[in-house]
Amino acid sequence: MKYTVRLKRSAEKELEDLPDHVHDRIVKRLLALEQDPRPRGVKKLKGRAEEYRLRAGDYRILYVVDDAAQVVEIIAIRHRREAY
């Protein structure tokens, strides 16, 4: 089952502003979400329906999974001190 990964415009801008080495790491994690939207190490955020957090070094990828439509929507990509 392959999921489609979509980025909100705000998350897209956050991704563009990252340093190159961080950008490449994040893109690899995003592409991996196509195969497994809930990989090992992912955390479901409390109090939020179907919202997850994925670590990528000092950065966090916040996203929502829609299993019915097979879509992963990236909400935000932020440094850990700004993520929550």
C-alpha atoms as a PDB file:
ATOM      1  CA  MET A   1       0.000   0.000   0.000  1.00  0.00           C
ATOM      2  CA  LYS A   2       1.554   3.267  -1.092  1.00  0.00           C
ATOM      3  CA  TYR A   3       0.488   6.541   0.498  1.00  0.00           C
ATOM      4  CA  THR A   4       0.652   9.964  -1.105  1.00  0.00           C
ATOM      5  CA  VAL A   5       2.652  12.545   0.838  1.00  0.00           C
ATOM      6  CA  ARG A   6       1.352  16.113   0.587  1.00  0.00           C
ATOM      7  CA  LEU A   7       2.893  19.191   2.157  1.00  0.00           C
ATOM      8  CA  LYS A   8       0.889  22.165   3.328  1.00  0.00           C
ATOM      9  CA  ARG A   9       2.232  25.374   1.798  1.00  0.00           C
ATOM     10  CA  SER A  10       3.562  26.497   5.195  1.00  0.00           C
ATOM     11  CA  ALA A  11       5.454  23.205   5.639  1.00  0.00           C
ATOM     12  CA  GLU A  12       6.837  23.561   2.120  1.00  0.00           C
ATOM     13  CA  LYS A  13       8.244  26.991   2.999  1.00  0.00           C
ATOM     14  CA  GLU A  14       9.729  25.632   6.228  1.00  0.00           C
ATOM     15  CA  LEU A  15      11.423  22.856   4.245  1.00  0.00           C
ATOM     16  CA  GLU A  16      12.860  25.324   1.722  1.00  0.00           C
ATOM     17  CA  ASP A  17      14.394  27.424   4.509  1.00  0.00           C
ATOM     18  CA  LEU A  18      16.353  24.539   6.062  1.00  0.00           C
ATOM     19  CA  PRO A  19      20.122  24.111   5.611  1.00  0.00           C
ATOM     20  CA  ASP A  20      21.026  21.668   2.807  1.00  0.00           C
ATOM     21  CA  HIS A  21      22.193  18.799   5.025  1.00  0.00           C
ATOM     22  CA  VAL A  22      19.018  18.982   7.130  1.00  0.00           C
ATOM     23  CA  HIS A  23      16.839  19.399   4.036  1.00  0.00           C
ATOM     24  CA  ASP A  24      18.187  16.174   2.528  1.00  0.00           C
ATOM     25  CA  ARG A  25      17.590  14.225   5.767  1.00  0.00           C
ATOM     26  CA  ILE A  26      14.006  15.500   6.011  1.00  0.00           C
ATOM     27  CA  VAL A  27      13.248  14.666   2.361  1.00  0.00           C
ATOM     28  CA  LYS A  28      14.423  11.071   2.926  1.00  0.00           C
ATOM     29  CA  ARG A  29      12.093  10.764   5.917  1.00  0.00           C
ATOM     30  CA  LEU A  30       9.194  12.219   3.904  1.00  0.00           C
ATOM     31  CA  LEU A  31       9.729   9.771   1.050  1.00  0.00           C
ATOM     32  CA  ALA A  32       9.842   6.875   3.528  1.00  0.00           C
ATOM     33  CA  LEU A  33       6.364   7.884   4.758  1.00  0.00           C
ATOM     34  CA  GLU A  34       4.972   6.809   1.361  1.00  0.00           C
ATOM     35  CA  GLN A  35       5.674   3.172   2.256  1.00  0.00           C
ATOM     36  CA  ASP A  36       5.026   3.290   6.004  1.00  0.00           C
ATOM     37  CA  PRO A  37       3.136   6.281   7.447  1.00  0.00           C
ATOM     38  CA  ARG A  38       3.755   5.056  10.992  1.00  0.00           C
ATOM     39  CA  PRO A  39       7.412   3.981  11.062  1.00  0.00           C
ATOM     40  CA  ARG A  40       9.283   2.854  14.136  1.00  0.00           C
ATOM     41  CA  GLY A  41       9.881   5.767  16.478  1.00  0.00           C
ATOM     42  CA  VAL A  42       6.833   7.796  15.459  1.00  0.00           C
ATOM     43  CA  LYS A  43       4.709   9.243  18.281  1.00  0.00           C
ATOM     44  CA  LYS A  44       0.996   9.967  18.206  1.00  0.00           C
ATOM     45  CA  LEU A  45       0.345  13.408  19.671  1.00  0.00           C
ATOM     46  CA  LYS A  46      -1.986  13.423  22.632  1.00  0.00           C
ATOM     47  CA  GLY A  47      -5.232  15.320  22.327  1.00  0.00           C
ATOM     48  CA  ARG A  48      -5.040  15.492  18.544  1.00  0.00           C
ATOM     49  CA  ALA A  49      -6.873  13.118  16.236  1.00  0.00           C
ATOM     50  CA  GLU A  50      -4.538  11.141  13.971  1.00  0.00           C
ATOM     51  CA  GLU A  51      -1.671  13.637  14.308  1.00  0.00           C
ATOM     52  CA  TYR A  52       1.843  12.246  14.566  1.00  0.00           C
ATOM     53  CA  ARG A  53       5.371  13.441  15.234  1.00  0.00           C
ATOM     54  CA  LEU A  54       8.456  12.045  13.542  1.00  0.00           C
ATOM     55  CA  ARG A  55      11.986  12.910  14.635  1.00  0.00           C
ATOM     56  CA  ALA A  56      14.650  13.846  12.128  1.00  0.00           C
ATOM     57  CA  GLY A  57      17.668  14.902  14.159  1.00  0.00           C
ATOM     58  CA  ASP A  58      16.859  18.171  15.936  1.00  0.00           C
ATOM     59  CA  TYR A  59      13.817  18.684  13.723  1.00  0.00           C
ATOM     60  CA  ARG A  60      10.276  17.365  14.022  1.00  0.00           C
ATOM     61  CA  ILE A  61       7.892  16.488  11.225  1.00  0.00           C
ATOM     62  CA  LEU A  62       4.257  16.933  12.279  1.00  0.00           C
ATOM     63  CA  TYR A  63       1.714  15.188  10.084  1.00  0.00           C
ATOM     64  CA  VAL A  64      -1.764  13.681   9.778  1.00  0.00           C
ATOM     65  CA  VAL A  65      -2.571  10.276   8.279  1.00  0.00           C
ATOM     66  CA  ASP A  66      -5.803   9.618   6.367  1.00  0.00           C
ATOM     67  CA  ASP A  67      -5.915   5.840   5.906  1.00  0.00           C
ATOM     68  CA  ALA A  68      -9.141   5.876   3.886  1.00  0.00           C
ATOM     69  CA  ALA A  69      -7.665   8.169   1.213  1.00  0.00           C
ATOM     70  CA  GLN A  70      -4.095   6.853   1.727  1.00  0.00           C
ATOM     71  CA  VAL A  71      -2.749  10.357   2.228  1.00  0.00           C
ATOM     72  CA  VAL A  72      -0.102  11.685   4.603  1.00  0.00           C
ATOM     73  CA  GLU A  73      -0.380  15.464   5.008  1.00  0.00           C
ATOM     74  CA  ILE A  74       2.673  17.210   6.398  1.00  0.00           C
ATOM     75  CA  ILE A  75       1.565  20.037   8.665  1.00  0.00           C
ATOM     76  CA  ALA A  76       4.890  21.422   9.869  1.00  0.00           C
ATOM     77  CA  ILE A  77       8.646  20.859   9.820  1.00  0.00           C
ATOM     78  CA  ARG A  78      10.225  22.671  12.747  1.00  0.00           C
ATOM     79  CA  HIS A  79      13.163  22.659  15.077  1.00  0.00           C
ATOM     80  CA  ARG A  80      12.324  20.765  18.246  1.00  0.00           C
ATOM     81  CA  ARG A  81      12.299  23.900  20.417  1.00  0.00           C
ATOM     82  CA  GLU A  82       9.597  25.434  18.175  1.00  0.00           C
ATOM     83  CA  ALA A  83       7.575  22.344  17.252  1.00  0.00           C
ATOM     84  CA  TYR A  84       5.014  22.326  20.036  1.00  0.00           C
END
